[in-house]
Amino acid sequence: MTSDATSDATPGAKEIEGLRELIARAQVVLWDFDGPICRLFAGHKAERVAAELVEWLENRGLRGLLTDAERETLDPQVVLRAVGRRRPGSDLVAELEERLTQEELRAAASALPTAYADPLVRTWTAVGARLAVTTNNSPRAAHSYLETRGLTDCFAPHLYGRTQQLHHLKPHPHCLDRALKAMGAAPSAAVMIGDSASDLDAAREAGVPFLGFARSALKEKGLRAAGAGHVVRSLEPLLWLLRSRRPVR
């Protein structure tokens, strides 16, 4: 096992059967990007990006757009969302979103793959499932990362991510709905793999079954408290299930 999964996190027999049925019915797999596929900010730290966005705003005399908590956040998406709420549709939002996209593109160059994600993506594609990325990150960053891993063909052209319409970010189901419509898939024929409550909420709104991915016991606890019925601490059991696949009765 890898550091992403420890022995006490191995699913039990009942959970394995639930996972087997969930993935066997999935003709379409909607992947969140940062988390299930990779650690986007493994080398290019998110907290530094957040601080630089705050500094950029302050240098333009826009400190008042953010609360104290928002100025101290470690998450650049919090900064972007805050400005989006207060200046919706503005040139400021467009410029800030592009600045974040450029930082995500830099981060993609040093992102670390999630254990078992690459072979799982390839195996799921090989057994006939269609895959899409549904993320709050820039789809350009997702494409850049997937290209470095040789995975672009497993997803393209179905990369759906952040636009300047920030109200469409998850938990809004917009990117999931776009993916399903483009792929001609019913929500019940899909599964979404995500690592946050906002992913779960978006899947619920879209009517898509949800599979939670949690790197830690704390993350797993949070997803289960939010109502996730299926949560894995490693992608390895999914890979094993696909490789030993049998029809659901």
Protein backbone atom coordinates (compact mmCIF):
# COMPACT_ATOMS: atom_id res chain seq x y z
CA MET A 1 0.00 0.00 0.00
CA THR A 2 1.12 3.60 -0.51
CA SER A 3 1.05 6.55 1.84
CA ASP A 4 -2.37 7.42 0.43
CA ALA A 5 -3.87 4.29 1.94
CA THR A 6 -3.09 2.47 5.15
CA SER A 7 -4.21 -0.96 6.25
CA ASP A 8 -6.84 0.39 8.66
CA ALA A 9 -8.45 2.22 5.74
CA THR A 10 -8.88 -0.86 3.55
CA PRO A 11 -12.58 -1.29 2.67
CA GLY A 12 -14.40 -4.23 4.22
CA ALA A 13 -16.19 -6.94 2.26
CA LYS A 14 -19.55 -5.13 2.36
CA GLU A 15 -17.98 -1.88 1.21
CA ILE A 16 -16.13 -3.66 -1.58
CA GLU A 17 -19.39 -5.10 -2.91
CA GLY A 18 -20.97 -1.65 -2.81
CA LEU A 19 -18.05 -0.22 -4.72
CA ARG A 20 -18.20 -3.08 -7.22
CA GLU A 21 -21.82 -2.35 -8.01
CA LEU A 22 -21.25 1.41 -8.16
CA ILE A 23 -18.43 1.27 -10.68
CA ALA A 24 -19.91 -1.60 -12.69
CA ARG A 25 -22.95 0.55 -13.50
CA ALA A 26 -20.90 3.62 -14.45
CA GLN A 27 -20.67 4.22 -18.17
CA VAL A 28 -19.32 7.73 -17.55
CA VAL A 29 -16.84 8.77 -14.85
CA LEU A 30 -16.68 12.43 -13.84
CA TRP A 31 -13.42 13.23 -12.07
CA ASP A 32 -12.64 16.13 -9.84
CA PHE A 33 -9.08 17.16 -10.70
CA ASP A 34 -7.11 18.43 -7.70
CA GLY A 35 -7.26 15.52 -5.27
CA PRO A 36 -8.45 12.39 -7.07
CA ILE A 37 -6.14 12.84 -10.09
CA CYS A 38 -3.23 14.75 -8.58
CA ARG A 39 -2.04 17.09 -5.86
CA LEU A 40 -1.99 20.21 -7.99
CA PHE A 41 -0.20 22.45 -5.50
CA ALA A 42 2.33 19.90 -4.29
CA GLY A 43 5.28 21.99 -5.47
CA HIS A 44 3.76 25.41 -6.15
CA LYS A 45 2.11 26.07 -2.82
CA ALA A 46 -1.52 27.19 -2.74
CA GLU A 47 -0.97 29.37 0.34
CA ARG A 48 1.68 31.37 -1.50
CA VAL A 49 -0.64 31.82 -4.48
CA ALA A 50 -3.43 33.03 -2.16
CA ALA A 51 -1.09 35.52 -0.49
CA GLU A 52 0.08 36.86 -3.84
CA LEU A 53 -3.50 37.36 -5.04
CA VAL A 54 -4.29 39.25 -1.84
CA GLU A 55 -1.16 41.38 -2.28
CA TRP A 56 -2.11 42.10 -5.89
CA LEU A 57 -5.50 43.39 -4.77
CA GLU A 58 -4.02 45.45 -1.94
CA ASN A 59 -1.51 47.08 -4.32
CA ARG A 60 -4.50 48.30 -6.32
CA GLY A 61 -6.19 49.82 -3.31
CA LEU A 62 -8.76 47.02 -3.11
CA ARG A 63 -7.98 45.69 0.35
CA GLY A 64 -11.53 46.47 1.43
CA LEU A 65 -12.96 43.89 -0.96
CA LEU A 66 -11.80 41.14 1.39
CA THR A 67 -12.62 40.37 5.01
CA ASP A 68 -9.82 39.71 7.48
CA ALA A 69 -10.45 35.97 7.20
CA GLU A 70 -10.36 36.11 3.39
CA ARG A 71 -7.07 38.05 3.47
CA GLU A 72 -5.55 35.31 5.64
CA THR A 73 -6.89 32.33 3.70
CA LEU A 74 -4.58 29.59 2.44
CA ASP A 75 -6.89 28.89 -0.49
CA PRO A 76 -6.65 31.09 -3.62
CA GLN A 77 -10.15 30.03 -4.66
CA VAL A 78 -11.50 31.74 -1.54
CA VAL A 79 -9.94 35.03 -2.69
CA LEU A 80 -11.34 34.65 -6.20
CA ARG A 81 -14.84 33.74 -5.01
CA ALA A 82 -14.90 36.67 -2.59
CA VAL A 83 -14.08 39.17 -5.33
CA GLY A 84 -16.55 37.44 -7.64
CA ARG A 85 -19.34 37.95 -5.12
CA ARG A 86 -18.57 41.65 -4.69
CA ARG A 87 -17.70 42.55 -8.28
CA PRO A 88 -19.62 40.01 -10.39
CA GLY A 89 -18.98 40.18 -14.11
CA SER A 90 -16.29 42.84 -13.75
CA ASP A 91 -12.97 43.22 -15.53
CA LEU A 92 -11.39 42.81 -12.09
CA VAL A 93 -12.84 39.31 -11.76
CA ALA A 94 -11.69 38.42 -15.28
CA GLU A 95 -8.14 39.58 -14.53
CA LEU A 96 -7.99 37.87 -11.15
CA GLU A 97 -9.31 34.62 -12.62
CA GLU A 98 -6.66 34.74 -15.34
CA ARG A 99 -3.94 35.36 -12.75
CA LEU A 100 -5.11 32.29 -10.82
CA THR A 101 -5.20 30.26 -14.03
CA GLN A 102 -1.58 31.19 -14.74
CA GLU A 103 -0.60 30.10 -11.23
CA GLU A 104 -2.43 26.80 -11.70
CA LEU A 105 -0.60 26.26 -14.98
CA ARG A 106 2.70 26.75 -13.12
CA ALA A 107 1.51 24.37 -10.41
CA ALA A 108 0.61 21.71 -12.99
CA ALA A 109 4.27 21.40 -13.91
CA SER A 110 5.16 20.21 -10.40
CA ALA A 111 1.90 18.47 -9.45
CA LEU A 112 2.17 14.98 -7.96
CA PRO A 113 -0.03 12.19 -9.31
CA THR A 114 -2.42 10.61 -6.86
CA ALA A 115 -1.38 7.03 -6.20
CA TYR A 116 -3.05 4.59 -8.65
CA ALA A 117 -4.80 7.42 -10.54
CA ASP A 118 -2.91 6.97 -13.82
CA PRO A 119 -3.49 3.20 -14.16
CA LEU A 120 -7.08 3.59 -12.96
CA VAL A 121 -7.79 6.19 -15.64
CA ARG A 122 -6.24 3.98 -18.32
CA THR A 123 -8.01 0.84 -17.10
CA TRP A 124 -11.41 2.49 -16.87
CA THR A 125 -10.95 3.78 -20.42
CA ALA A 126 -9.85 0.34 -21.61
CA VAL A 127 -12.99 -1.34 -20.26
CA GLY A 128 -15.18 1.10 -22.19
CA ALA A 129 -16.07 3.89 -19.78
CA ARG A 130 -15.95 7.51 -20.95
CA LEU A 131 -14.16 9.98 -18.70
CA ALA A 132 -14.47 13.70 -18.06
CA VAL A 133 -12.86 16.21 -15.73
CA THR A 134 -15.31 18.35 -13.75
CA THR A 135 -13.31 20.80 -11.65
CA ASN A 136 -13.22 24.23 -10.05
CA ASN A 137 -9.69 24.61 -11.37
CA SER A 138 -8.91 25.94 -14.80
CA PRO A 139 -9.51 23.36 -17.54
CA ARG A 140 -6.28 24.66 -19.10
CA ALA A 141 -4.35 23.54 -16.03
CA ALA A 142 -6.06 20.15 -16.10
CA HIS A 143 -5.17 19.72 -19.77
CA SER A 144 -1.56 20.72 -19.12
CA TYR A 145 -1.19 18.17 -16.33
CA LEU A 146 -2.93 15.34 -18.21
CA GLU A 147 -0.69 15.98 -21.20
CA THR A 148 2.43 15.48 -19.08
CA ARG A 149 1.06 12.13 -17.89
CA GLY A 150 0.02 10.92 -21.34
CA LEU A 151 -3.62 10.85 -20.27
CA THR A 152 -5.12 13.50 -22.53
CA ASP A 153 -6.72 10.98 -24.89
CA CYS A 154 -8.54 9.36 -21.96
CA PHE A 155 -10.45 12.59 -21.30
CA ALA A 156 -10.34 14.96 -24.27
CA PRO A 157 -12.32 16.86 -25.21
CA HIS A 158 -14.27 16.52 -21.98
CA LEU A 159 -12.51 18.93 -19.63
CA TYR A 160 -14.99 21.15 -17.81
CA GLY A 161 -13.72 23.65 -15.30
CA ARG A 162 -13.72 27.19 -14.02
CA THR A 163 -14.86 30.06 -16.19
CA GLN A 164 -15.29 33.73 -15.31
CA GLN A 165 -18.87 32.88 -14.33
CA LEU A 166 -17.84 32.11 -10.77
CA HIS A 167 -21.38 31.41 -9.60
CA HIS A 168 -21.13 28.21 -11.66
CA LEU A 169 -18.35 26.79 -9.49
CA LYS A 170 -19.17 23.68 -7.47
CA PRO A 171 -21.30 23.10 -5.43
CA HIS A 172 -23.27 24.36 -8.43
CA PRO A 173 -23.66 21.37 -10.79
CA HIS A 174 -22.89 23.40 -13.93
CA CYS A 175 -19.69 21.59 -14.95
CA LEU A 176 -21.26 18.17 -14.29
CA ASP A 177 -24.33 19.10 -16.32
CA ARG A 178 -22.12 20.29 -19.17
CA ALA A 179 -20.22 17.03 -19.16
CA LEU A 180 -23.33 14.86 -19.12
CA LYS A 181 -24.97 16.84 -21.91
CA ALA A 182 -21.87 16.76 -24.11
CA MET A 183 -21.45 13.02 -23.58
CA GLY A 184 -25.14 12.24 -24.03
CA ALA A 185 -25.23 10.44 -20.70
CA ALA A 186 -27.99 10.09 -18.15
CA PRO A 187 -26.97 11.08 -14.61
CA SER A 188 -27.78 7.59 -13.34
CA ALA A 189 -25.27 6.10 -15.80
CA ALA A 190 -22.42 8.16 -14.35
CA VAL A 191 -20.37 8.35 -11.17
CA MET A 192 -18.44 11.32 -9.83
CA ILE A 193 -15.16 10.96 -7.94
CA GLY A 194 -14.55 13.94 -5.67
CA ASP A 195 -12.80 14.82 -2.44
CA SER A 196 -14.93 17.61 -0.98
CA ALA A 197 -18.42 18.35 0.27
CA SER A 198 -18.88 20.75 -2.65
CA ASP A 199 -18.22 17.86 -5.05
CA LEU A 200 -20.81 15.79 -3.22
CA ASP A 201 -23.37 18.61 -3.32
CA ALA A 202 -22.79 19.16 -7.04
CA ALA A 203 -23.24 15.46 -7.72
CA ARG A 204 -26.47 15.42 -5.73
CA GLU A 205 -27.83 18.40 -7.65
CA ALA A 206 -26.91 16.75 -10.95
CA GLY A 207 -28.41 13.41 -9.87
CA VAL A 208 -25.05 11.62 -10.24
CA PRO A 209 -23.93 8.85 -7.84
CA PHE A 210 -20.91 9.96 -5.81
CA LEU A 211 -17.70 8.24 -4.79
CA GLY A 212 -15.63 10.11 -2.24
CA PHE A 213 -11.84 10.10 -2.20
CA ALA A 214 -10.17 11.01 1.10
CA ARG A 215 -6.43 11.09 1.75
CA SER A 216 -6.91 11.01 5.53
CA ALA A 217 -9.27 9.78 8.21
CA LEU A 218 -10.28 13.39 8.90
CA LYS A 219 -11.21 13.95 5.25
CA GLU A 220 -13.14 10.69 5.21
CA LYS A 221 -15.03 11.68 8.35
CA GLY A 222 -15.97 14.99 6.76
CA LEU A 223 -17.26 13.38 3.57
CA ARG A 224 -19.28 10.79 5.47
CA ALA A 225 -20.72 13.49 7.75
CA ALA A 226 -21.80 15.36 4.60
CA GLY A 227 -23.68 12.24 3.52
CA ALA A 228 -21.29 10.37 1.21
CA GLY A 229 -22.21 6.69 1.19
CA HIS A 230 -19.05 5.51 -0.57
CA VAL A 231 -15.62 6.81 0.42
CA VAL A 232 -12.17 5.33 -0.31
CA ARG A 233 -8.83 6.31 1.15
CA SER A 234 -6.96 4.91 -1.84
CA LEU A 235 -7.83 4.36 -5.49
CA GLU A 236 -6.21 0.93 -5.40
CA PRO A 237 -9.44 -0.99 -4.55
CA LEU A 238 -11.14 0.59 -7.58
CA LEU A 239 -8.30 -0.49 -9.82
CA TRP A 240 -8.46 -4.02 -8.43
CA LEU A 241 -12.23 -4.15 -8.92
CA LEU A 242 -11.97 -3.04 -12.53
CA ARG A 243 -9.28 -5.60 -13.26
CA SER A 244 -11.36 -8.38 -11.71
CA ARG A 245 -14.61 -7.07 -13.08
CA ARG A 246 -17.70 -9.24 -13.21
CA PRO A 247 -21.27 -8.30 -14.16
CA VAL A 248 -23.61 -6.97 -11.47
CA ARG A 249 -26.51 -9.36 -10.88
